[in-house]
Amino acid sequence: MVINVSRYSDTQQVEIRLDLPQGESFIHGTRSFSSFHGEDRWDVSVLVPWYGDTFYTREDSTLIFENIRPDRMNEIFNAPTYDLIAIVREALPVIKEANRLADLEI
């Protein structure tokens, strides 16, 4: 099975879109707040709209890596598809837990 992957980057953000069989999934990197103080660091989030739809509170994204170095962000950006899918899979239990906690608050 072929999974289409599109990648976009500029000086402030990175976006990777995966067309998974379940639906579109996104890995999004943004320069972290510490970047504005001279350290070049990135935060990486995963957005999985189709997964969030399975929960009452519909949480669909989570921060998966925080304050990573530019070389690590570059590795993620250039990673093969199977590594990108692994990042999305790593986010799913975190999103599930966020929805569980949000449901408890309601």
Protein backbone atom coordinates (compact mmCIF):
# COMPACT_ATOMS: atom_id res chain seq x y z
CA MET A 1 0.00 0.00 0.00
CA VAL A 2 1.28 3.44 -0.93
CA ILE A 3 0.83 6.25 1.58
CA ASN A 4 1.14 9.73 0.18
CA VAL A 5 3.28 12.10 2.23
CA SER A 6 3.59 15.83 1.58
CA ARG A 7 6.05 18.07 3.36
CA TYR A 8 6.25 21.81 3.83
CA SER A 9 8.73 23.91 5.78
CA ASP A 10 9.81 27.47 6.30
CA THR A 11 11.87 29.21 8.98
CA GLN A 12 9.10 29.05 11.63
CA GLN A 13 7.17 25.85 10.94
CA VAL A 14 7.19 22.39 9.45
CA GLU A 15 4.17 20.42 8.32
CA ILE A 16 4.05 16.82 7.18
CA ARG A 17 0.74 15.43 5.92
CA LEU A 18 0.21 11.68 5.70
CA ASP A 19 -2.76 10.26 3.80
CA LEU A 20 -3.37 7.22 5.97
CA PRO A 21 -6.17 4.76 5.19
CA GLN A 22 -8.08 6.11 8.23
CA GLY A 23 -7.73 9.72 7.08
CA GLU A 24 -5.30 12.61 6.95
CA SER A 25 -2.80 12.94 9.78
CA PHE A 26 -0.40 15.79 10.38
CA ILE A 27 2.94 16.20 12.11
CA HIS A 28 3.46 19.88 12.80
CA GLY A 29 6.64 21.51 14.05
CA THR A 30 6.92 25.08 15.29
CA ARG A 31 9.86 27.01 16.60
CA SER A 32 9.58 26.97 20.35
CA PHE A 33 9.49 30.01 22.60
CA SER A 34 13.14 29.49 23.56
CA SER A 35 14.03 30.14 19.91
CA PHE A 36 13.24 33.78 20.50
CA HIS A 37 15.94 33.90 23.19
CA GLY A 38 18.77 32.68 20.98
CA GLU A 39 18.33 28.91 21.24
CA ASP A 40 17.01 27.28 18.11
CA ARG A 41 14.50 24.69 19.38
CA TRP A 42 11.34 23.11 18.01
CA ASP A 43 8.09 21.70 19.39
CA VAL A 44 6.37 18.92 17.46
CA SER A 45 2.64 18.16 17.60
CA VAL A 46 0.57 15.46 15.97
CA LEU A 47 -2.90 16.25 14.66
CA VAL A 48 -5.18 13.29 13.91
CA PRO A 49 -8.71 14.58 13.10
CA TRP A 50 -10.15 11.15 12.29
CA TYR A 51 -9.04 9.79 15.67
CA GLY A 52 -10.48 12.72 17.62
CA ASP A 53 -13.87 12.05 16.02
CA THR A 54 -14.09 8.77 17.93
CA PHE A 55 -14.31 10.59 21.29
CA TYR A 56 -17.04 12.67 22.85
CA THR A 57 -14.73 15.63 23.51
CA ARG A 58 -13.04 15.31 20.10
CA GLU A 59 -9.49 16.13 21.23
CA ASP A 60 -7.42 15.40 18.14
CA SER A 61 -3.90 16.72 18.70
CA THR A 62 -1.07 16.51 21.17
CA LEU A 63 2.45 17.80 21.72
CA ILE A 64 4.70 14.81 21.18
CA PHE A 65 8.22 16.32 21.31
CA GLU A 66 9.17 19.52 23.10
CA ASN A 67 12.25 21.70 22.77
CA ILE A 68 14.08 19.48 20.29
CA ARG A 69 17.20 20.55 18.46
CA PRO A 70 17.08 21.61 14.78
CA ASP A 71 18.98 18.49 13.66
CA ARG A 72 16.30 16.26 15.26
CA MET A 73 13.56 18.35 13.59
CA ASN A 74 15.36 17.86 10.28
CA GLU A 75 15.50 14.08 10.89
CA ILE A 76 11.74 14.03 11.47
CA PHE A 77 11.09 16.15 8.39
CA ASN A 78 13.15 13.81 6.19
CA ALA A 79 12.11 10.56 7.89
CA PRO A 80 10.79 7.67 5.82
CA THR A 81 7.06 7.04 5.86
CA TYR A 82 7.23 4.16 8.36
CA ASP A 83 8.96 6.42 10.93
CA LEU A 84 6.31 9.10 10.42
CA ILE A 85 3.56 6.52 10.95
CA ALA A 86 5.31 5.46 14.16
CA ILE A 87 5.20 9.07 15.40
CA VAL A 88 1.46 9.22 14.70
CA ARG A 89 0.94 5.90 16.48
CA GLU A 90 2.93 7.18 19.46
CA ALA A 91 0.51 10.11 19.73
CA LEU A 92 -2.70 8.04 19.71
CA PRO A 93 -2.59 6.85 23.35
CA VAL A 94 -1.74 10.39 24.48
CA ILE A 95 -4.73 11.77 22.56
CA LYS A 96 -6.92 9.01 23.98
CA GLU A 97 -5.85 9.90 27.53
CA ALA A 98 -6.46 13.63 26.89
CA ASN A 99 -9.99 12.79 25.77
CA ARG A 100 -10.56 10.59 28.83
CA LEU A 101 -9.45 13.39 31.13
CA ALA A 102 -11.55 15.97 29.26
CA ASP A 103 -14.58 13.67 29.51
CA LEU A 104 -14.04 13.45 33.27
CA GLU A 105 -14.03 17.25 33.54
CA ILE A 106 -17.42 17.51 31.82
